[in-house]
Protein backbone atom coordinates (compact mmCIF):
# COMPACT_ATOMS: atom_id res chain seq x y z
CA UNK A 1 144.26 159.07 125.45
CA UNK A 2 146.65 160.53 122.35
CA UNK A 3 147.79 163.15 124.25
CA UNK A 4 147.97 164.06 127.75
CA UNK A 5 144.54 166.10 128.78
CA UNK A 6 145.31 168.21 131.88
CA UNK A 7 142.43 169.16 133.98
CA UNK A 8 143.67 172.13 135.72
CA UNK A 9 146.10 174.91 134.21
CA UNK A 10 150.05 173.91 133.67
CA UNK A 11 150.40 177.30 135.82
CA UNK A 12 150.93 177.07 139.48
CA UNK A 13 147.52 176.43 140.91
CA UNK A 14 145.96 178.90 143.50
CA UNK A 15 143.41 177.11 146.05
CA UNK A 16 140.35 179.08 146.66
CA UNK A 17 137.19 178.83 148.88
CA UNK A 18 133.95 178.46 146.41
CA UNK A 19 131.16 180.67 147.59
CA UNK A 20 128.22 179.09 149.55
CA UNK A 21 125.72 178.95 146.47
CA UNK A 22 128.12 176.55 144.84
CA UNK A 23 128.85 174.56 147.55
CA UNK A 24 125.02 174.14 148.04
CA UNK A 25 124.26 172.99 144.48
CA UNK A 26 127.05 170.68 144.54
CA UNK A 27 125.63 169.08 147.49
CA UNK A 28 122.20 169.36 146.02
CA UNK A 29 123.52 167.41 143.08
CA UNK A 30 124.65 164.22 146.04
CA UNK A 31 121.45 164.17 147.62
CA UNK A 32 118.51 165.27 145.40
CA UNK A 33 119.46 163.16 142.24
CA UNK A 34 115.61 163.67 140.96
CA UNK A 35 111.81 164.75 141.98
CA UNK A 36 111.76 161.40 144.32
CA UNK A 37 114.65 162.01 146.24
CA UNK A 38 113.39 165.43 147.28
CA UNK A 39 110.08 164.07 148.59
CA UNK A 40 111.94 161.12 150.13
CA UNK A 41 113.70 163.64 152.25
CA UNK A 42 111.03 165.87 153.06
CA UNK A 43 108.41 162.98 153.82
CA UNK A 44 111.29 161.63 155.95
CA UNK A 45 111.97 164.55 158.20
CA UNK A 46 108.25 164.53 158.52
CA UNK A 47 108.22 161.00 160.17
CA UNK A 48 110.97 162.15 162.27
CA UNK A 49 109.00 165.19 163.20
CA UNK A 50 106.32 163.11 164.39
CA UNK A 51 103.67 163.47 162.14
CA UNK A 52 101.03 161.16 162.29
CA UNK A 53 99.39 162.41 158.91
CA UNK A 54 101.67 163.05 155.83
CA UNK A 55 100.16 164.50 152.23
CA UNK A 56 102.12 165.38 149.24
CA UNK A 57 101.14 166.80 146.32
CA UNK A 58 103.08 166.61 143.35
CA UNK A 59 102.80 168.51 139.73
CA UNK A 60 104.66 168.25 135.99
CA UNK A 61 105.74 165.23 137.78
CA UNK A 62 107.51 166.93 140.51
CA UNK A 63 109.35 169.34 138.83
CA UNK A 64 107.07 172.26 138.41
CA UNK A 65 106.01 171.10 142.28
CA UNK A 66 106.20 169.34 145.28
CA UNK A 67 104.37 170.03 148.63
CA UNK A 68 105.02 168.00 151.75
CA UNK A 69 103.10 168.77 154.67
CA UNK A 70 102.86 167.16 158.09
CA UNK A 71 101.10 167.29 161.62
CA UNK A 72 104.32 167.19 163.45
CA UNK A 73 106.22 169.00 166.07
CA UNK A 74 106.70 171.94 163.78
CA UNK A 75 109.82 174.40 164.15
CA UNK A 76 110.27 176.83 165.63
CA UNK A 77 110.27 180.85 164.48
CA UNK A 78 113.83 181.60 165.87
CA UNK A 79 114.89 178.35 163.80
CA UNK A 80 113.53 178.85 160.52
CA UNK A 81 116.51 179.97 159.06
CA UNK A 82 118.77 177.67 160.38
CA UNK A 83 116.68 175.30 159.48
CA UNK A 84 117.47 176.58 155.25
CA UNK A 85 121.45 176.39 156.15
CA UNK A 86 123.84 173.41 155.73
CA UNK A 87 124.67 171.08 158.57
CA UNK A 88 122.11 172.18 160.89
CA UNK A 89 120.44 169.96 162.26
CA UNK A 90 117.42 168.59 165.40
CA UNK A 91 118.25 165.33 165.28
CA UNK A 92 121.97 164.62 166.13
CA UNK A 93 124.34 167.01 168.32
CA UNK A 94 127.76 165.29 166.23
CA UNK A 95 129.30 163.50 168.90
CA UNK A 96 127.81 160.10 167.85
CA UNK A 97 127.66 159.52 163.94
CA UNK A 98 127.01 155.81 164.41
CA UNK A 99 124.17 155.93 166.97
CA UNK A 100 121.59 157.28 164.67
CA UNK A 101 117.92 156.76 165.55
CA UNK A 102 116.08 159.14 162.78
CA UNK A 103 115.75 158.83 159.20
CA UNK A 104 118.13 162.22 158.83
CA UNK A 105 120.92 163.50 160.75
CA UNK A 106 122.89 165.12 158.05
CA UNK A 107 121.14 168.41 157.72
CA UNK A 108 122.11 169.02 154.12
CA UNK A 109 118.00 168.71 152.47
CA UNK A 110 116.06 171.68 152.95
CA UNK A 111 119.48 173.85 152.26
CA UNK A 112 120.06 171.52 149.02
CA UNK A 113 116.37 171.79 147.71
CA UNK A 114 116.48 176.00 148.74
CA UNK A 115 119.82 175.97 147.02
CA UNK A 116 118.06 174.44 143.71
CA UNK A 117 114.60 175.71 143.49
CA UNK A 118 111.99 178.28 144.79
CA UNK A 119 111.23 176.87 148.20
CA UNK A 120 108.85 178.37 150.74
CA UNK A 121 108.84 176.78 154.51
CA UNK A 122 106.06 177.22 156.35
CA UNK A 123 105.43 176.00 160.26
CA UNK A 124 103.77 176.38 163.25
CA UNK A 125 104.50 174.79 166.70
CA UNK A 126 101.49 174.06 169.16
CA UNK A 127 101.02 177.33 171.33
CA UNK A 128 102.39 179.43 169.00
CA UNK A 129 101.91 181.66 165.58
CA UNK A 130 102.41 180.45 162.38
CA UNK A 131 105.32 181.76 160.29
CA UNK A 132 107.03 181.42 156.98
CA UNK A 133 110.37 181.73 155.35
CA UNK A 134 110.62 182.14 151.33
CA UNK A 135 114.12 181.01 149.76
CA UNK A 136 115.07 181.46 145.71
CA UNK A 137 118.06 179.47 144.13
CA UNK A 138 119.76 180.05 147.93
CA UNK A 139 119.05 183.31 148.89
CA UNK A 140 116.71 183.45 151.75
CA UNK A 141 113.99 186.03 152.14
CA UNK A 142 113.20 187.73 155.84
CA UNK A 143 110.75 185.09 158.57
CA UNK A 144 107.06 186.50 158.20
CA UNK A 145 103.68 185.65 160.16
CA UNK A 146 101.49 183.38 158.30
CA UNK A 147 98.23 181.11 158.85
CA UNK A 148 99.12 177.75 159.24
CA UNK A 149 98.05 174.49 161.23
CA UNK A 150 100.44 173.12 163.89
CA UNK A 151 103.23 171.12 161.78
CA UNK A 152 105.17 171.86 158.69
CA UNK A 153 104.54 172.73 154.90
CA UNK A 154 107.31 172.70 152.56
CA UNK A 155 107.14 173.73 148.94
CA UNK A 156 109.16 173.64 146.03
CA UNK A 157 108.42 175.31 142.84
CA UNK A 158 110.59 174.60 139.83
CA UNK A 159 113.01 172.46 140.97
CA UNK A 160 116.71 172.44 139.38
CA UNK A 161 115.60 176.05 137.76
CA UNK A 162 118.84 177.31 139.19
CA UNK A 163 120.83 174.16 137.38
CA UNK A 164 119.14 173.88 134.16
CA UNK A 165 121.90 170.97 133.28
CA UNK A 166 120.19 168.70 135.75
CA UNK A 167 116.85 169.44 134.08
CA UNK A 168 117.90 167.54 131.23
CA UNK A 169 118.58 164.27 132.97
CA UNK A 170 115.68 163.95 134.15
CA UNK A 171 112.75 161.33 132.52
CA UNK A 172 109.43 162.18 131.79
CA UNK A 173 106.68 163.55 134.00
CA UNK A 174 105.29 160.08 133.97
CA UNK A 175 108.29 158.15 134.73
CA UNK A 176 109.15 160.82 137.94
CA UNK A 177 105.73 161.00 138.86
CA UNK A 178 105.70 156.81 138.99
CA UNK A 179 109.23 157.39 141.21
CA UNK A 180 107.80 159.63 143.57
CA UNK A 181 104.61 157.00 143.86
CA UNK A 182 107.10 154.42 144.76
CA UNK A 183 109.03 156.24 147.32
CA UNK A 184 106.17 157.13 149.30
CA UNK A 185 104.65 153.45 148.96
CA UNK A 186 107.95 151.92 150.41
CA UNK A 187 108.23 154.91 153.19
CA UNK A 188 104.25 154.26 153.67
CA UNK A 189 105.21 150.41 154.16
CA UNK A 190 107.73 151.46 156.83
CA UNK A 191 105.71 153.41 158.77
CA UNK A 192 102.08 151.88 159.11
CA UNK A 193 100.68 153.83 162.29
CA UNK A 194 100.90 156.97 160.08
CA UNK A 195 98.37 158.07 156.80
CA UNK A 196 99.96 159.08 153.91
CA UNK A 197 98.15 160.83 150.89
CA UNK A 198 99.76 161.41 147.31
CA UNK A 199 98.31 163.94 145.18
CA UNK A 200 98.88 164.93 141.62
CA UNK A 201 97.83 168.06 140.48
CA UNK A 202 99.17 168.44 137.31
CA UNK A 203 95.63 169.01 135.69
CA UNK A 204 92.65 168.36 137.66
CA UNK A 205 93.87 167.36 141.05
CA UNK A 206 94.09 163.03 141.24
CA UNK A 207 94.48 161.17 144.30
CA UNK A 208 97.06 158.92 143.10
CA UNK A 209 97.65 157.01 146.82
CA UNK A 210 95.78 156.84 150.09
CA UNK A 211 96.38 154.80 153.31
CA UNK A 212 94.55 155.38 156.37
CA UNK A 213 96.67 154.60 160.08
CA UNK A 214 96.50 151.28 160.80
CA UNK A 215 95.70 149.68 164.45
CA UNK A 216 96.84 146.71 166.30
CA UNK A 217 99.89 145.08 166.71
CA UNK A 218 103.29 145.54 164.82
CA UNK A 219 102.83 142.51 162.54
CA UNK A 220 99.04 143.44 162.26
CA UNK A 221 99.13 146.43 161.32
CA UNK A 222 102.40 145.58 158.86
CA UNK A 223 99.89 142.89 157.09
CA UNK A 224 97.17 145.42 156.90
CA UNK A 225 99.50 148.20 155.26
CA UNK A 226 100.65 145.70 153.02
CA UNK A 227 97.48 144.72 151.66
CA UNK A 228 96.67 148.30 150.59
CA UNK A 229 99.93 148.85 148.91
CA UNK A 230 100.76 145.44 147.54
CA UNK A 231 97.16 143.72 147.25
CA UNK A 232 95.63 141.26 149.63
CA UNK A 233 96.80 138.81 147.12
CA UNK A 234 100.43 138.69 148.32
CA UNK A 235 99.27 138.46 152.12
CA UNK A 236 97.03 135.36 151.51
CA UNK A 237 99.89 133.99 149.63
CA UNK A 238 102.64 135.02 151.94
CA UNK A 239 105.05 133.67 155.05
CA UNK A 240 105.19 135.81 158.28
CA UNK A 241 109.06 135.87 159.06
CA UNK A 242 110.23 136.00 162.33
CA UNK A 243 113.95 134.74 163.18
CA UNK A 244 117.16 136.66 165.50
CA UNK A 245 121.09 136.34 164.75
CA UNK A 246 123.58 137.83 166.78
CA UNK A 247 121.63 141.10 167.40
CA UNK A 248 119.93 141.41 164.34
CA UNK A 249 115.90 140.90 164.23
CA UNK A 250 114.09 139.69 160.95
CA UNK A 251 110.14 140.53 160.39
CA UNK A 252 108.29 141.02 157.65
CA UNK A 253 106.12 138.79 154.97
CA UNK A 254 107.64 136.34 151.94
CA UNK A 255 105.50 135.34 149.32
CA UNK A 256 105.03 131.38 148.62
CA UNK A 257 107.42 130.20 146.07
CA UNK A 258 104.60 129.47 143.48
CA UNK A 259 103.34 133.57 143.72
CA UNK A 260 106.41 134.05 142.40
CA UNK A 261 107.06 137.77 139.79
CA UNK A 262 107.97 138.14 136.56
CA UNK A 263 110.74 140.80 137.08
CA UNK A 264 112.19 141.57 140.97
CA UNK A 265 109.98 145.13 141.38
CA UNK A 266 107.77 143.41 144.69
CA UNK A 267 111.16 143.12 146.87
CA UNK A 268 111.85 145.72 149.43
CA UNK A 269 114.30 145.73 152.33
CA UNK A 270 114.33 148.11 155.39
CA UNK A 271 117.04 148.71 157.53
CA UNK A 272 115.78 150.04 161.10
CA UNK A 273 112.85 151.22 159.16
CA UNK A 274 114.84 152.97 156.60
CA UNK A 275 113.72 151.78 152.74
CA UNK A 276 117.10 150.47 150.97
CA UNK A 277 118.67 149.28 147.98
CA UNK A 278 121.22 146.94 149.21
CA UNK A 279 123.01 144.34 146.63
CA UNK A 280 124.06 142.22 149.63
CA UNK A 281 120.47 141.96 151.10
CA UNK A 282 118.66 141.77 147.77
CA UNK A 283 121.45 139.09 146.69
CA UNK A 284 120.19 137.19 150.19
CA UNK A 285 116.74 137.22 149.28
CA UNK A 286 117.36 135.63 146.13
CA UNK A 287 119.44 132.84 148.03
CA UNK A 288 116.84 132.32 150.53
CA UNK A 289 114.79 131.21 147.58
CA UNK A 290 117.48 129.27 145.93
CA UNK A 291 116.00 126.04 144.82
CA UNK A 292 112.54 127.10 145.22
CA UNK A 293 111.88 129.06 142.06
CA UNK A 294 112.65 128.74 138.12
CA UNK A 295 115.69 130.59 136.61
CA UNK A 296 113.31 133.24 135.00
CA UNK A 297 111.26 134.15 138.04
CA UNK A 298 111.85 136.29 141.19
CA UNK A 299 110.63 136.28 144.84
CA UNK A 300 108.22 139.06 146.03
CA UNK A 301 109.21 139.76 149.75
CA UNK A 302 108.84 142.60 152.33
CA UNK A 303 112.18 142.35 154.74
CA UNK A 304 112.26 144.57 157.74
CA UNK A 305 116.15 143.93 159.18
CA UNK A 306 116.11 145.63 162.88
CA UNK A 307 119.34 146.16 165.20
CA UNK A 308 120.88 148.39 167.66
CA UNK A 309 122.34 151.51 165.52
CA UNK A 310 125.73 150.91 166.58
CA UNK A 311 125.76 147.84 164.06
CA UNK A 312 125.03 149.09 161.00
CA UNK A 313 126.54 152.17 159.28
CA UNK A 314 123.99 154.05 157.23
CA UNK A 315 126.40 157.18 156.50
CA UNK A 316 128.15 155.40 154.08
CA UNK A 317 125.65 157.01 150.83
CA UNK A 318 124.50 160.83 150.83
CA UNK A 319 121.13 159.72 150.03
CA UNK A 320 121.07 157.05 152.47
CA UNK A 321 120.14 154.00 150.61
CA UNK A 322 122.84 152.14 150.75
CA UNK A 323 124.13 150.73 154.56
CA UNK A 324 127.28 148.92 156.11
CA UNK A 325 126.79 146.56 158.91
CA UNK A 326 129.43 145.81 161.44
CA UNK A 327 129.22 142.19 160.01
CA UNK A 328 127.89 141.74 156.74
CA UNK A 329 127.38 137.56 157.01
CA UNK A 330 125.43 137.67 159.82
CA UNK A 331 122.70 140.09 157.83
CA UNK A 332 123.23 137.48 154.97
CA UNK A 333 123.05 134.50 156.88
CA UNK A 334 119.98 135.94 159.10
CA UNK A 335 118.08 136.66 156.01
CA UNK A 336 118.73 133.38 154.29
CA UNK A 337 118.13 131.11 157.16
CA UNK A 338 115.03 133.01 158.10
CA UNK A 339 113.85 132.71 154.83
CA UNK A 340 114.51 129.22 154.05
CA UNK A 341 113.09 128.35 157.36
CA UNK A 342 109.84 129.96 157.02
CA UNK A 343 109.33 128.60 153.29
CA UNK A 344 109.88 125.04 155.17
CA UNK A 345 107.67 125.78 157.83
CA UNK A 346 104.95 126.90 155.04
CA UNK A 347 105.01 123.00 154.25
CA UNK A 348 102.87 122.09 150.81
CA UNK A 349 101.56 125.44 150.83
CA UNK A 350 100.83 126.71 147.07
CA UNK A 351 99.81 130.35 145.96
CA UNK A 352 95.69 130.73 145.69
CA UNK A 353 96.41 132.08 142.61
CA UNK A 354 97.41 128.87 141.11
CA UNK A 355 93.75 128.22 141.50
CA UNK A 356 92.51 131.07 139.91
CA UNK A 357 94.47 131.23 136.87
CA UNK A 358 92.92 126.93 136.69
CA UNK A 359 89.92 128.22 136.97
CA UNK A 360 90.34 131.57 134.38
CA UNK A 361 91.96 129.09 131.96
CA UNK A 362 89.08 126.84 132.18
CA UNK A 363 86.22 129.82 132.15
CA UNK A 364 84.38 129.05 128.59
CA UNK A 365 83.53 132.30 126.66
CA UNK A 366 80.03 133.68 127.44
CA UNK A 367 77.43 131.83 125.02
CA UNK A 368 73.36 130.74 125.03
CA UNK A 369 73.18 127.69 126.31
CA UNK A 370 69.93 124.91 124.87
CA UNK A 371 68.71 125.12 128.07
CA UNK A 372 68.21 128.91 127.98
CA UNK A 373 66.54 128.46 124.76
CA UNK A 374 64.30 125.94 125.73
CA UNK A 375 62.71 127.89 128.40
CA UNK A 376 61.55 130.66 126.58
CA UNK A 377 59.05 128.55 124.85
CA UNK A 378 55.71 129.36 125.09
CA UNK A 379 53.38 129.34 128.24
CA UNK A 380 52.77 125.73 129.26
CA UNK A 381 55.36 124.07 127.03
CA UNK A 382 57.55 121.84 129.40
CA UNK A 383 60.93 120.95 127.73
CA UNK A 384 62.02 117.65 126.97
CA UNK A 385 65.01 116.89 129.81
CA UNK A 386 68.23 117.38 128.26
CA UNK A 387 69.63 114.68 130.78
CA UNK A 388 67.93 111.37 130.78
CA UNK A 389 68.15 107.59 130.68
CA UNK A 390 68.43 107.16 127.09
CA UNK A 391 70.85 109.58 126.34
CA UNK A 392 73.37 108.50 128.96
CA UNK A 393 73.17 105.00 128.13
CA UNK A 394 74.24 105.84 124.69
CA UNK A 395 77.83 106.71 125.88
CA UNK A 396 79.70 103.07 124.37
CA UNK A 397 83.28 104.53 125.33
CA UNK A 398 84.91 103.69 128.92
CA UNK A 399 85.98 106.92 130.85
CA UNK A 400 89.84 107.90 130.55
CA UNK A 401 90.35 107.84 134.01
CA UNK A 402 90.85 105.02 136.49
CA UNK A 403 88.67 105.37 139.63
CA UNK A 404 90.25 103.33 142.57
CA UNK A 405 87.80 102.46 145.53
CA UNK A 406 88.76 103.84 149.02
CA UNK A 407 91.13 101.66 151.16
CA UNK A 408 90.37 100.75 154.48
CA UNK A 409 91.36 103.22 156.72
CA UNK A 410 91.18 106.21 154.34
CA UNK A 411 87.83 107.62 155.88
CA UNK A 412 89.20 110.64 157.25
CA UNK A 413 91.74 111.58 154.98
CA UNK A 414 89.28 114.18 153.64
CA UNK A 415 89.85 116.36 156.49
CA UNK A 416 93.56 116.47 155.67
CA UNK A 417 94.84 118.94 153.63
CA UNK A 418 95.46 117.05 150.54
CA UNK A 419 92.47 114.95 150.97
CA UNK A 420 91.35 111.38 149.81
CA UNK A 421 93.08 110.10 146.10
CA UNK A 422 89.72 109.32 144.31
CA UNK A 423 91.18 108.79 140.92
CA UNK A 424 94.09 108.87 138.61
CA UNK A 425 94.30 110.52 135.37
CA UNK A 426 96.11 110.06 132.41
CA UNK A 427 98.59 107.84 134.56
CA UNK A 428 100.08 110.68 136.25
CA UNK A 429 97.67 112.93 138.12
CA UNK A 430 95.62 112.51 141.30
CA UNK A 431 92.20 113.35 141.79
CA UNK A 432 91.75 114.30 145.20
CA UNK A 433 88.79 115.10 147.23
CA UNK A 434 89.03 117.23 150.13
CA UNK A 435 85.67 118.89 152.38
CA UNK A 436 85.82 121.94 150.94
CA UNK A 437 86.63 121.03 147.37
CA UNK A 438 89.14 118.96 145.34
CA UNK A 439 92.93 118.76 144.57
CA UNK A 440 94.72 117.57 141.76
CA UNK A 441 98.56 116.58 141.93
CA UNK A 442 101.39 116.16 139.10
CA UNK A 443 102.39 112.91 140.89
CA UNK A 444 105.70 113.20 139.35
CA UNK A 445 106.86 116.74 140.11
CA UNK A 446 105.66 116.07 143.69
CA UNK A 447 107.45 112.68 144.28
CA UNK A 448 110.64 114.63 142.82
CA UNK A 449 110.47 117.32 145.50
CA UNK A 450 109.81 114.58 148.40
CA UNK A 451 113.17 112.34 147.21
CA UNK A 452 114.91 115.86 146.48
CA UNK A 453 114.09 116.90 150.12
CA UNK A 454 115.33 113.45 151.50
CA UNK A 455 118.15 113.39 149.26
CA UNK A 456 119.24 117.29 151.14
CA UNK A 457 118.75 116.16 154.62
CA UNK A 458 120.88 113.28 154.04
CA UNK A 459 123.77 115.18 152.88
CA UNK A 460 123.47 117.65 155.57
CA UNK A 461 123.39 115.13 158.08
CA UNK A 462 126.32 113.16 156.85
CA UNK A 463 127.96 115.76 155.20
CA UNK A 464 129.27 116.29 151.60
CA UNK A 465 131.69 113.31 150.29
CA UNK A 466 134.54 114.44 148.19
CA UNK A 467 137.46 113.35 146.32
CA UNK A 468 141.16 113.30 146.34
CA UNK A 469 142.79 114.53 143.14
CA UNK A 470 145.58 112.34 142.15
CA UNK A 471 147.45 115.37 141.28
CA UNK A 472 146.41 118.79 142.60
CA UNK A 473 145.26 121.37 139.90
CA UNK A 474 146.94 124.47 140.55
CA UNK A 475 144.40 127.62 139.49
CA UNK A 476 145.82 131.23 139.06
CA UNK A 477 143.69 133.85 140.20
CA UNK A 478 145.40 137.03 141.23
CA UNK A 479 143.61 138.93 143.95
CA UNK A 480 140.54 136.63 144.05
CA UNK A 481 143.11 133.84 145.74
CA UNK A 482 142.87 135.73 149.06
CA UNK A 483 138.98 136.04 148.83
CA UNK A 484 138.99 132.23 148.26
CA UNK A 485 141.24 131.09 150.87
CA UNK A 486 139.66 133.07 153.28
CA UNK A 487 136.51 131.19 152.73
CA UNK A 488 138.96 127.74 152.79
CA UNK A 489 136.76 126.39 155.79
CA UNK A 490 133.30 127.00 154.25
CA UNK A 491 134.03 125.36 151.12
CA UNK A 492 135.73 122.61 152.66
CA UNK A 493 132.39 121.77 154.63
CA UNK A 494 130.88 121.49 150.72
CA UNK A 495 133.63 119.12 149.37
CA UNK A 496 135.79 121.80 147.86
CA UNK A 497 139.51 121.56 149.70
CA UNK A 498 142.00 124.14 148.88
CA UNK A 499 144.92 125.76 149.93
CA UNK A 500 147.58 128.93 149.07
CA UNK A 501 149.80 127.77 146.62
CA UNK A 502 152.25 130.70 146.31
CA UNK A 503 150.88 134.68 145.32
CA UNK A 504 147.52 134.46 143.59
CA UNK A 505 147.47 130.94 143.58
CA UNK A 506 145.80 128.31 144.74
CA UNK A 507 145.99 124.26 144.75
CA UNK A 508 142.93 122.47 144.79
CA UNK A 509 143.40 118.85 146.59
CA UNK A 510 139.60 117.49 147.02
CA UNK A 511 136.29 118.37 145.09
CA UNK A 512 132.73 117.34 145.85
CA UNK A 513 132.35 113.59 144.96
CA UNK A 514 128.87 114.11 143.58
CA UNK A 515 130.08 116.33 140.97
CA UNK A 516 132.22 113.93 138.97
CA UNK A 517 135.15 115.53 136.89
CA UNK A 518 135.02 119.82 137.71
CA UNK A 519 136.66 122.53 135.38
CA UNK A 520 138.35 123.60 138.73
CA UNK A 521 139.33 127.21 137.76
CA UNK A 522 135.51 128.12 136.18
CA UNK A 523 133.82 126.91 139.44
CA UNK A 524 136.56 129.13 141.54
CA UNK A 525 135.93 131.72 139.35
CA UNK A 526 132.33 131.79 139.96
CA UNK A 527 132.60 131.55 143.73
CA UNK A 528 135.46 134.10 144.12
CA UNK A 529 133.01 136.76 141.94
CA UNK A 530 130.25 136.02 143.80
CA UNK A 531 132.05 136.13 147.07
CA UNK A 532 133.69 139.98 146.39
CA UNK A 533 130.21 141.51 145.19
CA UNK A 534 127.97 139.67 148.00
CA UNK A 535 130.24 138.67 150.64
CA UNK A 536 129.08 134.97 150.48
CA UNK A 537 128.68 132.45 147.93
CA UNK A 538 126.23 129.94 146.68
CA UNK A 539 127.70 128.60 143.50
CA UNK A 540 129.22 125.73 144.87
CA UNK A 541 125.95 124.41 146.80
CA UNK A 542 123.79 125.22 143.72
CA UNK A 543 125.77 122.72 141.76
CA UNK A 544 125.66 120.04 144.74
CA UNK A 545 121.81 120.80 144.72
CA UNK A 546 121.39 120.74 140.97
CA UNK A 547 122.96 117.25 140.93
CA UNK A 548 120.60 116.07 144.07
CA UNK A 549 117.83 117.32 141.49
CA UNK A 550 118.57 115.48 138.85
CA UNK A 551 119.09 112.32 141.13
CA UNK A 552 115.72 112.92 142.48
CA UNK A 553 113.86 113.36 139.20
CA UNK A 554 115.31 110.19 138.03
CA UNK A 555 114.22 108.71 141.02
CA UNK A 556 110.44 109.91 141.66
CA UNK A 557 107.53 108.33 139.85
CA UNK A 558 107.41 108.11 136.29
CA UNK A 559 104.73 109.26 134.08
CA UNK A 560 102.81 106.72 132.95
CA UNK A 561 102.97 104.55 136.07
CA UNK A 562 99.75 103.56 137.37
CA UNK A 563 99.17 103.85 141.03
CA UNK A 564 97.31 102.21 143.45
CA UNK A 565 94.62 103.65 146.01
CA UNK A 566 96.88 102.98 149.10
CA UNK A 567 99.91 104.55 146.66
CA UNK A 568 98.67 107.87 145.67
CA UNK A 569 97.36 108.67 149.50
CA UNK A 570 100.74 107.61 150.36
CA UNK A 571 102.31 110.12 148.05
CA UNK A 572 99.75 112.80 149.50
CA UNK A 573 100.61 112.39 152.77
CA UNK A 574 104.30 112.60 152.24
CA UNK A 575 103.63 116.02 150.48
CA UNK A 576 101.50 117.54 153.70
CA UNK A 577 105.01 116.31 155.93
CA UNK A 578 107.67 117.79 153.55
CA UNK A 579 108.51 121.62 153.43
CA UNK A 580 108.28 122.90 150.12
CA UNK A 581 106.19 120.13 148.53
CA UNK A 582 104.11 123.08 146.95
CA UNK A 583 106.32 123.41 144.57
CA UNK A 584 108.98 121.27 142.15
CA UNK A 585 112.36 121.55 142.02
CA UNK A 586 112.16 123.65 138.97
CA UNK A 587 109.48 126.23 140.90
CA UNK A 588 106.23 124.98 139.24
CA UNK A 589 103.34 124.33 141.33
CA UNK A 590 102.67 120.63 142.09
CA UNK A 591 99.21 120.58 142.91
CA UNK A 592 96.25 122.81 142.23
CA UNK A 593 93.37 123.22 144.86
CA UNK A 594 89.87 124.09 143.49
CA UNK A 595 87.17 124.95 146.09
CA UNK A 596 83.65 124.23 145.88
CA UNK A 597 82.77 127.23 144.88
CA UNK A 598 85.70 127.47 141.88
CA UNK A 599 84.49 124.13 140.41
CA UNK A 600 80.78 125.67 140.97
CA UNK A 601 81.85 128.77 138.55
CA UNK A 602 83.12 126.19 135.75
CA UNK A 603 79.61 125.60 135.20
CA UNK A 604 78.25 128.95 136.12
CA UNK A 605 76.83 128.25 139.18
CA UNK A 606 78.31 131.09 140.34
């Protein structure tokens, strides 16, 4: 700046109280950012009211109309004006802001919406008559009788008409409508025992989303709800999670690594049932998949972290979209270890979509076969068979695949998940037969994962060897030095030994031997940045794993090597016993399974 920019008058400023309308409009800007924010607040209120069915209708992406109706407990007539006033709520009494058991607790949403839109509140408590209260830009009307079913309906017209500047920052109607649908779907995931409907009334009413209440146990109900929202492919290719640590409980479903996505849109995290977008938790999700995904792929998962409300603060953001754990390291550790354990327990599984993609790749273009033409001959005409001994004996070229005789004692292999080896194609790909189909294995990729897991297990059992530097390397890091020194003990377990060397400076005395020459400053800077952002760092662990991965690549079966039947079967058995063997170290599938009906589809039999 070239000159001072005084935000207030140079004269002695006077302090004055803002009027209630201005206060409510300022609060609305914090709580309600867009139509999706309004829908979120209203649906959460309906859930807190004990609703079993929640109906949402919008028009113009929510700019013109938002209507949320529920069959919950309703609002007594005497409380209707209070419901539209700020900081009035039935959720808490204000004595304990940490022990929060409901979605809402601030008492701001309805008052904020009433201050920036035209709002009508209609409600009926069981056994009483219905009532209605209208508000326009914060001005309340009179409570009057109204026909209503038990429950509550909140209807909002012309959102932000009282704050035109806010309208300019909204996106297109289509984009806002998509954001509303995303909010409703996230809340529907969190509440599988509640039915949800979303209708777009912009032109002709159109049902955008609708799910009925699920039945059964918690995990069964969640699986059913996720199948309806994310598709049956997700639940068919995911692993159930159930882990506990230091008062935190992790449940949900994590997709197999080979069911990865091109973006992070299929990552959902909930804390005590509340949808959140928390960098630390999504970072832990990525860390759980750290060495099983390619760099440009993203995991798909739905994670629920539940705990005593006093262990997490949900009052750190006006929209309640962020949380703060009392022990963030425990929350991160639970997610990382829970995911890795579940993926390991998944063993050699690969996503079923790999087989579907294979079938699609092989699928021929629609055509008329020669046999079809011959079958349309004159009555009594008998076509010559397309395949006969004369044709079969005309082939002089030998087959390109080597077929190995079945070794003794391999009779039961077909009953095992990866079956019995039958042939090797192009000196790398193993063809195996199972009871229900066939398996095609990339031998190099599969053996690479097996060797990699053995190297990691050996490292974890004996620790990471370090090499002492002849002359300690002094690295200046400023304020980040304290962050690193706080994690010095954990880093030492990975072979990186450092200690303080004056203000903002550390001395690196030992580095992991397996890394060879290390740019200490670059490594420490990366670790410090990650520690500051996520509270934990996988940078060093990732570099160590990368070296082991390269070692595994060089030490595994090379493409071009001919394998005997016993060797191929031994590799298949090792894959079945090795965690994460369904994908190589780079995240690609190590095998493709084709069921018999898939093979029949390739030949037009189905």
